[in-house]
Amino acid sequence: MSANDERELLAAFAAMDETGRRMLLEYARFLRPRHARPVADAEPLDIARPTSESVVAAIRRLSATYPMIEADELLHGAADLMAAHVTGGRPAAAVIDDLEALFSRRYAAWREARAGEDAGA
C-alpha cells in the first residue's frame, strides 16, 4: 500500500461518523487474519558488521538483519544519513553507527507496536 493509499484511507475514516468508523474497524479486524502479510521473526538476524564496510553495504546488511521492518519506514532517515556521507563528507564509520542506531530504534518501535497489538487482540 502506498503512502497515498494510507492517506486516503485515513481521510475516509476521518470523514465517517462514529458508526461508519466502528464498522470499518470491525471489517479491518475481520480481514487482518485472512490477508495479513507474513510476519518475519520477532528477533533480528545475527549478521556481524564487517571491519570494512561501505554505507550502501551497511544499509543492505541492516535491511537483512531487520527483515520485519518495512523499508519505506527507514527511507527518509537512511537517505539523510547517506547524503551526510556523500555530500557532507561524513566518515562512513560514523554514518554506519548512526544507521545501526536508526534501525535499532525502529526495531524497538516495531516490537512495542507489536506488543500493543498482541495485548489488544
N, C-alpha and C. Protein backbone atom coordinates (compact mmCIF):
# COMPACT_ATOMS: atom_id res chain seq x y z
N MET A 1 0.86 -1.18 0.00
CA MET A 1 0.00 0.00 0.00
C MET A 1 0.89 1.23 0.00
N SER A 2 0.57 2.13 -0.85
CA SER A 2 1.38 3.34 -0.96
C SER A 2 1.00 4.34 0.14
N ALA A 3 1.83 5.33 0.31
CA ALA A 3 1.54 6.39 1.29
C ALA A 3 0.26 7.12 0.91
N ASN A 4 0.01 7.28 -0.40
CA ASN A 4 -1.22 7.94 -0.86
C ASN A 4 -2.45 7.12 -0.47
N ASP A 5 -2.34 5.79 -0.61
CA ASP A 5 -3.46 4.93 -0.21
C ASP A 5 -3.73 5.04 1.28
N GLU A 6 -2.66 5.08 2.07
CA GLU A 6 -2.82 5.21 3.51
C GLU A 6 -3.48 6.54 3.87
N ARG A 7 -3.04 7.61 3.21
CA ARG A 7 -3.65 8.93 3.46
C ARG A 7 -5.13 8.92 3.07
N GLU A 8 -5.45 8.28 1.95
CA GLU A 8 -6.84 8.20 1.51
C GLU A 8 -7.69 7.41 2.50
N LEU A 9 -7.14 6.32 3.00
CA LEU A 9 -7.86 5.52 3.99
C LEU A 9 -8.09 6.32 5.27
N LEU A 10 -7.07 7.02 5.73
CA LEU A 10 -7.23 7.85 6.93
C LEU A 10 -8.23 8.98 6.71
N ALA A 11 -8.21 9.58 5.52
CA ALA A 11 -9.16 10.66 5.21
C ALA A 11 -10.59 10.11 5.19
N ALA A 12 -10.77 8.93 4.60
CA ALA A 12 -12.10 8.32 4.57
C ALA A 12 -12.57 8.02 5.99
N PHE A 13 -11.68 7.49 6.81
CA PHE A 13 -12.01 7.19 8.19
C PHE A 13 -12.40 8.47 8.93
N ALA A 14 -11.63 9.52 8.75
CA ALA A 14 -11.89 10.78 9.43
C ALA A 14 -13.23 11.39 9.01
N ALA A 15 -13.63 11.14 7.77
CA ALA A 15 -14.87 11.72 7.26
C ALA A 15 -16.12 10.96 7.71
N MET A 16 -15.93 9.77 8.28
CA MET A 16 -17.07 8.93 8.68
C MET A 16 -17.62 9.33 10.04
N ASP A 17 -18.90 9.00 10.22
CA ASP A 17 -19.47 9.17 11.56
C ASP A 17 -19.01 7.99 12.42
N GLU A 18 -19.37 8.03 13.68
CA GLU A 18 -18.91 7.02 14.64
C GLU A 18 -19.31 5.60 14.21
N THR A 19 -20.52 5.44 13.70
CA THR A 19 -20.97 4.11 13.27
C THR A 19 -20.13 3.60 12.10
N GLY A 20 -19.87 4.44 11.13
CA GLY A 20 -19.04 4.06 10.00
C GLY A 20 -17.63 3.70 10.43
N ARG A 21 -17.08 4.46 11.36
CA ARG A 21 -15.73 4.16 11.86
C ARG A 21 -15.69 2.80 12.54
N ARG A 22 -16.69 2.53 13.38
CA ARG A 22 -16.75 1.23 14.06
C ARG A 22 -16.85 0.10 13.04
N MET A 23 -17.69 0.30 12.01
CA MET A 23 -17.87 -0.74 11.00
C MET A 23 -16.57 -0.98 10.22
N LEU A 24 -15.88 0.11 9.87
CA LEU A 24 -14.62 -0.04 9.14
C LEU A 24 -13.59 -0.77 10.00
N LEU A 25 -13.51 -0.43 11.27
CA LEU A 25 -12.58 -1.10 12.16
C LEU A 25 -12.94 -2.58 12.33
N GLU A 26 -14.21 -2.89 12.46
CA GLU A 26 -14.64 -4.29 12.56
C GLU A 26 -14.26 -5.06 11.29
N TYR A 27 -14.44 -4.43 10.14
CA TYR A 27 -14.10 -5.07 8.87
C TYR A 27 -12.59 -5.30 8.79
N ALA A 28 -11.81 -4.33 9.21
CA ALA A 28 -10.35 -4.47 9.20
C ALA A 28 -9.93 -5.61 10.12
N ARG A 29 -10.55 -5.71 11.28
CA ARG A 29 -10.24 -6.82 12.20
C ARG A 29 -10.62 -8.16 11.59
N PHE A 30 -11.71 -8.19 10.82
CA PHE A 30 -12.14 -9.40 10.14
C PHE A 30 -11.12 -9.80 9.06
N LEU A 31 -10.62 -8.82 8.30
CA LEU A 31 -9.70 -9.10 7.21
C LEU A 31 -8.28 -9.41 7.66
N ARG A 32 -7.87 -8.85 8.77
CA ARG A 32 -6.46 -8.97 9.19
C ARG A 32 -5.95 -10.41 9.20
N PRO A 33 -6.62 -11.36 9.85
CA PRO A 33 -6.05 -12.71 9.86
C PRO A 33 -6.08 -13.39 8.48
N ARG A 34 -6.96 -12.96 7.63
CA ARG A 34 -7.08 -13.59 6.31
C ARG A 34 -6.11 -13.02 5.28
N HIS A 35 -5.71 -11.78 5.48
CA HIS A 35 -4.88 -11.11 4.47
C HIS A 35 -3.64 -10.45 5.06
N ALA A 36 -3.22 -10.90 6.22
CA ALA A 36 -2.05 -10.31 6.85
C ALA A 36 -0.79 -10.67 6.08
N ARG A 37 0.14 -9.73 6.04
CA ARG A 37 1.45 -10.02 5.45
C ARG A 37 2.13 -11.05 6.32
N PRO A 38 2.96 -11.88 5.74
CA PRO A 38 3.72 -12.82 6.59
C PRO A 38 4.58 -12.03 7.57
N VAL A 39 4.54 -12.40 8.81
CA VAL A 39 5.30 -11.71 9.84
C VAL A 39 6.67 -12.34 9.95
N ALA A 40 7.66 -11.52 9.83
CA ALA A 40 9.04 -12.01 9.99
C ALA A 40 9.29 -12.33 11.45
N ASP A 41 10.32 -13.08 11.68
CA ASP A 41 10.67 -13.41 13.06
C ASP A 41 10.80 -12.15 13.88
N ALA A 42 10.49 -12.27 15.15
CA ALA A 42 10.50 -11.11 16.04
C ALA A 42 11.91 -10.68 16.41
N GLU A 43 12.87 -11.53 16.21
CA GLU A 43 14.24 -11.19 16.59
C GLU A 43 15.07 -10.88 15.34
N PRO A 44 15.93 -9.87 15.43
CA PRO A 44 16.81 -9.57 14.30
C PRO A 44 17.77 -10.73 14.04
N LEU A 45 18.19 -10.86 12.81
CA LEU A 45 19.18 -11.87 12.46
C LEU A 45 20.55 -11.42 12.96
N ASP A 46 21.41 -12.36 13.23
CA ASP A 46 22.74 -12.05 13.74
C ASP A 46 23.72 -11.97 12.57
N ILE A 47 23.78 -10.79 11.96
CA ILE A 47 24.70 -10.56 10.84
C ILE A 47 25.75 -9.57 11.33
N ALA A 48 26.96 -10.06 11.46
CA ALA A 48 28.04 -9.24 12.03
C ALA A 48 28.44 -8.11 11.09
N ARG A 49 28.85 -7.03 11.69
CA ARG A 49 29.36 -5.87 10.94
C ARG A 49 30.80 -6.14 10.52
N PRO A 50 31.06 -6.10 9.23
CA PRO A 50 32.45 -6.29 8.79
C PRO A 50 33.34 -5.15 9.26
N THR A 51 34.62 -5.41 9.32
CA THR A 51 35.54 -4.36 9.77
C THR A 51 35.62 -3.23 8.76
N SER A 52 35.48 -3.55 7.48
CA SER A 52 35.48 -2.52 6.44
C SER A 52 34.19 -2.68 5.65
N GLU A 53 33.35 -1.63 5.67
CA GLU A 53 32.04 -1.72 5.04
C GLU A 53 31.66 -0.35 4.48
N SER A 54 31.05 -0.36 3.31
CA SER A 54 30.56 0.89 2.75
C SER A 54 29.19 1.19 3.36
N VAL A 55 28.73 2.42 3.20
CA VAL A 55 27.43 2.81 3.73
C VAL A 55 26.32 2.03 3.02
N VAL A 56 26.44 1.86 1.71
CA VAL A 56 25.43 1.11 0.96
C VAL A 56 25.39 -0.34 1.44
N ALA A 57 26.55 -0.94 1.63
CA ALA A 57 26.61 -2.33 2.12
C ALA A 57 26.01 -2.42 3.52
N ALA A 58 26.23 -1.40 4.33
CA ALA A 58 25.66 -1.40 5.68
C ALA A 58 24.14 -1.34 5.64
N ILE A 59 23.60 -0.54 4.74
CA ILE A 59 22.14 -0.46 4.60
C ILE A 59 21.59 -1.82 4.19
N ARG A 60 22.26 -2.48 3.25
CA ARG A 60 21.84 -3.82 2.83
C ARG A 60 21.92 -4.81 3.99
N ARG A 61 23.02 -4.77 4.73
CA ARG A 61 23.20 -5.67 5.87
C ARG A 61 22.13 -5.43 6.93
N LEU A 62 21.87 -4.18 7.24
CA LEU A 62 20.88 -3.86 8.27
C LEU A 62 19.47 -4.22 7.80
N SER A 63 19.18 -4.04 6.52
CA SER A 63 17.88 -4.45 6.00
C SER A 63 17.71 -5.95 6.12
N ALA A 64 18.78 -6.71 5.89
CA ALA A 64 18.72 -8.17 6.05
C ALA A 64 18.65 -8.55 7.52
N THR A 65 19.29 -7.79 8.38
CA THR A 65 19.29 -8.06 9.82
C THR A 65 17.91 -7.84 10.43
N TYR A 66 17.21 -6.84 9.92
CA TYR A 66 15.89 -6.47 10.44
C TYR A 66 14.83 -6.64 9.33
N PRO A 67 14.54 -7.88 8.92
CA PRO A 67 13.59 -8.08 7.81
C PRO A 67 12.16 -7.70 8.17
N MET A 68 11.86 -7.57 9.44
CA MET A 68 10.50 -7.25 9.87
C MET A 68 10.16 -5.78 9.69
N ILE A 69 11.16 -4.96 9.45
CA ILE A 69 10.93 -3.52 9.34
C ILE A 69 10.74 -3.16 7.87
N GLU A 70 9.66 -2.46 7.58
CA GLU A 70 9.37 -2.02 6.22
C GLU A 70 10.43 -1.01 5.77
N ALA A 71 10.94 -1.21 4.58
CA ALA A 71 12.00 -0.34 4.06
C ALA A 71 11.56 1.12 3.99
N ASP A 72 10.30 1.35 3.61
CA ASP A 72 9.86 2.74 3.46
C ASP A 72 9.79 3.46 4.80
N GLU A 73 9.76 2.72 5.91
CA GLU A 73 9.76 3.35 7.22
C GLU A 73 11.14 3.92 7.57
N LEU A 74 12.16 3.44 6.89
CA LEU A 74 13.52 3.86 7.17
C LEU A 74 14.10 4.77 6.08
N LEU A 75 13.39 4.89 4.99
CA LEU A 75 13.92 5.55 3.81
C LEU A 75 14.40 6.96 4.09
N HIS A 76 13.59 7.77 4.73
CA HIS A 76 13.95 9.17 4.95
C HIS A 76 15.21 9.29 5.81
N GLY A 77 15.22 8.59 6.94
CA GLY A 77 16.38 8.67 7.83
C GLY A 77 17.65 8.14 7.19
N ALA A 78 17.53 7.01 6.48
CA ALA A 78 18.70 6.43 5.82
C ALA A 78 19.19 7.34 4.70
N ALA A 79 18.27 7.94 3.96
CA ALA A 79 18.66 8.85 2.88
C ALA A 79 19.38 10.08 3.43
N ASP A 80 18.90 10.60 4.54
CA ASP A 80 19.58 11.75 5.15
C ASP A 80 21.00 11.39 5.57
N LEU A 81 21.16 10.21 6.15
CA LEU A 81 22.49 9.78 6.58
C LEU A 81 23.41 9.54 5.39
N MET A 82 22.86 8.94 4.36
CA MET A 82 23.65 8.69 3.14
C MET A 82 24.10 10.03 2.53
N ALA A 83 23.20 11.01 2.52
CA ALA A 83 23.55 12.32 1.99
C ALA A 83 24.64 12.99 2.82
N ALA A 84 24.58 12.81 4.14
CA ALA A 84 25.62 13.38 5.00
C ALA A 84 26.98 12.78 4.68
N HIS A 85 26.97 11.53 4.27
CA HIS A 85 28.23 10.87 3.91
C HIS A 85 28.70 11.30 2.53
N VAL A 86 27.80 11.26 1.55
CA VAL A 86 28.18 11.52 0.16
C VAL A 86 28.47 13.00 -0.08
N THR A 87 27.55 13.86 0.33
CA THR A 87 27.72 15.28 0.04
C THR A 87 28.38 16.04 1.18
N GLY A 88 28.19 15.55 2.41
CA GLY A 88 28.75 16.25 3.56
C GLY A 88 30.11 15.77 3.99
N GLY A 89 30.55 14.63 3.41
CA GLY A 89 31.88 14.13 3.74
C GLY A 89 32.00 13.45 5.10
N ARG A 90 30.87 13.11 5.70
CA ARG A 90 30.92 12.41 6.99
C ARG A 90 31.56 11.04 6.81
N PRO A 91 32.43 10.63 7.72
CA PRO A 91 33.08 9.33 7.59
C PRO A 91 32.06 8.18 7.58
N ALA A 92 32.33 7.17 6.76
CA ALA A 92 31.42 6.03 6.62
C ALA A 92 31.17 5.36 7.96
N ALA A 93 32.20 5.20 8.77
CA ALA A 93 32.03 4.50 10.06
C ALA A 93 31.03 5.24 10.96
N ALA A 94 31.08 6.56 10.97
CA ALA A 94 30.16 7.34 11.79
C ALA A 94 28.73 7.24 11.25
N VAL A 95 28.59 7.27 9.94
CA VAL A 95 27.27 7.15 9.33
C VAL A 95 26.70 5.76 9.60
N ILE A 96 27.54 4.74 9.50
CA ILE A 96 27.08 3.37 9.77
C ILE A 96 26.66 3.22 11.22
N ASP A 97 27.39 3.84 12.14
CA ASP A 97 26.97 3.82 13.55
C ASP A 97 25.57 4.41 13.70
N ASP A 98 25.33 5.53 13.02
CA ASP A 98 24.01 6.17 13.07
C ASP A 98 22.94 5.32 12.40
N LEU A 99 23.30 4.65 11.31
CA LEU A 99 22.34 3.75 10.65
C LEU A 99 21.96 2.60 11.58
N GLU A 100 22.95 2.04 12.27
CA GLU A 100 22.65 0.95 13.21
C GLU A 100 21.73 1.44 14.31
N ALA A 101 21.95 2.65 14.79
CA ALA A 101 21.06 3.21 15.82
C ALA A 101 19.66 3.44 15.27
N LEU A 102 19.56 3.93 14.03
CA LEU A 102 18.27 4.16 13.38
C LEU A 102 17.49 2.85 13.26
N PHE A 103 18.14 1.81 12.75
CA PHE A 103 17.47 0.52 12.61
C PHE A 103 17.08 -0.05 13.98
N SER A 104 17.95 0.10 14.95
CA SER A 104 17.66 -0.40 16.29
C SER A 104 16.46 0.32 16.91
N ARG A 105 16.39 1.64 16.75
CA ARG A 105 15.24 2.39 17.28
C ARG A 105 13.95 1.98 16.58
N ARG A 106 14.03 1.81 15.26
CA ARG A 106 12.83 1.42 14.51
C ARG A 106 12.39 0.02 14.89
N TYR A 107 13.34 -0.86 15.16
CA TYR A 107 13.02 -2.21 15.62
C TYR A 107 12.35 -2.17 16.99
N ALA A 108 12.87 -1.34 17.89
CA ALA A 108 12.26 -1.20 19.21
C ALA A 108 10.83 -0.69 19.10
N ALA A 109 10.60 0.27 18.21
CA ALA A 109 9.24 0.79 17.99
C ALA A 109 8.34 -0.29 17.40
N TRP A 110 8.88 -1.10 16.49
CA TRP A 110 8.12 -2.21 15.89
C TRP A 110 7.72 -3.22 16.96
N ARG A 111 8.67 -3.55 17.84
CA ARG A 111 8.36 -4.51 18.92
C ARG A 111 7.29 -3.95 19.85
N GLU A 112 7.41 -2.67 20.18
CA GLU A 112 6.42 -2.03 21.06
C GLU A 112 5.04 -2.03 20.42
N ALA A 113 4.97 -1.70 19.15
CA ALA A 113 3.69 -1.70 18.43
C ALA A 113 3.11 -3.10 18.36
N ARG A 114 3.97 -4.06 18.11
CA ARG A 114 3.52 -5.45 18.04
C ARG A 114 3.02 -5.94 19.40
N ALA A 115 3.68 -5.54 20.47
CA ALA A 115 3.24 -5.92 21.82
C ALA A 115 1.87 -5.29 22.11
N GLY A 116 1.66 -4.06 21.64
CA GLY A 116 0.36 -3.40 21.81
C GLY A 116 -0.72 -4.11 21.05
N GLU A 117 -0.41 -4.59 19.83
CA GLU A 117 -1.40 -5.33 19.05
C GLU A 117 -1.74 -6.65 19.73
N ASP A 118 -0.72 -7.34 20.26
CA ASP A 118 -0.97 -8.61 20.93
C ASP A 118 -1.80 -8.42 22.19
N ALA A 119 -1.56 -7.32 22.89
CA ALA A 119 -2.34 -7.03 24.11
C ALA A 119 -3.78 -6.68 23.78
N GLY A 120 -3.99 -6.05 22.61
CA GLY A 120 -5.34 -5.64 22.20
C GLY A 120 -6.13 -6.77 21.57
N ALA A 121 -5.46 -7.84 21.19
CA ALA A 121 -6.16 -8.95 20.50
C ALA A 121 -6.90 -9.85 21.43
